[in-house]
Amino acid sequence: MTTYRTIKTKIAPSKFTKLNNDQQVSLDILARICLELNCVFDDIVEIEK
């Protein structure tokens, strides 16, 4: 996401750092990303065993 979109969705840069480091983020953050990118969870989340 661009800086503009990050600001628009009010998601802190630290949340993207957590995502990049495979750390836990809330479903609210994922939902806001999906809404901004017009996608669904399956498009941005991969579950591994």
C-alpha atoms as a PDB file:
ATOM      1  CA  MET A   1       0.000   0.000   0.000  1.00  0.00           C
ATOM      2  CA  THR A   2       1.124   3.514  -0.661  1.00  0.00           C
ATOM      3  CA  THR A   3       1.782   6.016   2.098  1.00  0.00           C
ATOM      4  CA  TYR A   4      -1.374   7.868   1.051  1.00  0.00           C
ATOM      5  CA  ARG A   5      -3.500   4.751   1.480  1.00  0.00           C
ATOM      6  CA  THR A   6      -1.848   3.983   4.804  1.00  0.00           C
ATOM      7  CA  ILE A   7      -2.751   7.438   6.099  1.00  0.00           C
ATOM      8  CA  LYS A   8      -6.237   7.252   4.582  1.00  0.00           C
ATOM      9  CA  THR A   9      -7.006   3.969   6.365  1.00  0.00           C
ATOM     10  CA  LYS A  10      -5.422   5.224   9.612  1.00  0.00           C
ATOM     11  CA  ILE A  11      -3.198   2.161   9.922  1.00  0.00           C
ATOM     12  CA  ALA A  12       0.025   2.810  11.807  1.00  0.00           C
ATOM     13  CA  PRO A  13       3.266   1.962  10.000  1.00  0.00           C
ATOM     14  CA  SER A  14       4.115  -0.359  12.898  1.00  0.00           C
ATOM     15  CA  LYS A  15       1.211  -2.601  11.867  1.00  0.00           C
ATOM     16  CA  PHE A  16       2.750  -3.064   8.418  1.00  0.00           C
ATOM     17  CA  THR A  17       6.069  -3.830  10.092  1.00  0.00           C
ATOM     18  CA  LYS A  18       4.329  -6.553  12.087  1.00  0.00           C
ATOM     19  CA  LEU A  19       2.796  -7.956   8.903  1.00  0.00           C
ATOM     20  CA  ASN A  20       6.175  -7.974   7.180  1.00  0.00           C
ATOM     21  CA  ASN A  21       7.694  -9.819  10.153  1.00  0.00           C
ATOM     22  CA  ASP A  22       4.911 -12.446  10.285  1.00  0.00           C
ATOM     23  CA  GLN A  23       3.676 -11.134  13.620  1.00  0.00           C
ATOM     24  CA  GLN A  24       0.095 -11.009  14.840  1.00  0.00           C
ATOM     25  CA  VAL A  25      -2.207  -8.134  13.862  1.00  0.00           C
ATOM     26  CA  SER A  26      -5.888  -7.718  14.637  1.00  0.00           C
ATOM     27  CA  LEU A  27      -8.668  -8.677  12.280  1.00  0.00           C
ATOM     28  CA  ASP A  28      -9.682  -5.021  12.271  1.00  0.00           C
ATOM     29  CA  ILE A  29      -6.388  -4.119  10.594  1.00  0.00           C
ATOM     30  CA  LEU A  30      -6.819  -6.875   8.018  1.00  0.00           C
ATOM     31  CA  ALA A  31     -10.406  -5.785   7.381  1.00  0.00           C
ATOM     32  CA  ARG A  32      -9.333  -2.176   6.789  1.00  0.00           C
ATOM     33  CA  ILE A  33      -6.639  -3.328   4.363  1.00  0.00           C
ATOM     34  CA  CYS A  34      -9.184  -5.455   2.495  1.00  0.00           C
ATOM     35  CA  LEU A  35     -11.660  -2.596   2.296  1.00  0.00           C
ATOM     36  CA  GLU A  36      -9.029  -0.224   0.946  1.00  0.00           C
ATOM     37  CA  LEU A  37      -7.724  -2.732  -1.605  1.00  0.00           C
ATOM     38  CA  ASN A  38     -11.214  -4.006  -2.487  1.00  0.00           C
ATOM     39  CA  CYS A  39     -10.299  -7.621  -1.755  1.00  0.00           C
ATOM     40  CA  VAL A  40     -11.161 -10.446   0.660  1.00  0.00           C
ATOM     41  CA  PHE A  41      -9.155 -12.085   3.456  1.00  0.00           C
ATOM     42  CA  ASP A  42      -8.144 -14.977   1.216  1.00  0.00           C
ATOM     43  CA  ASP A  43      -6.368 -12.502  -1.047  1.00  0.00           C
ATOM     44  CA  ILE A  44      -4.071 -11.249   1.713  1.00  0.00           C
ATOM     45  CA  VAL A  45      -3.901 -14.110   4.244  1.00  0.00           C
ATOM     46  CA  GLU A  46      -2.224 -17.484   3.867  1.00  0.00           C
ATOM     47  CA  ILE A  47      -2.610 -20.120   6.552  1.00  0.00           C
ATOM     48  CA  GLU A  48       0.197 -22.672   6.820  1.00  0.00           C
ATOM     49  CA  LYS A  49       0.307 -25.831   8.909  1.00  0.00           C
END
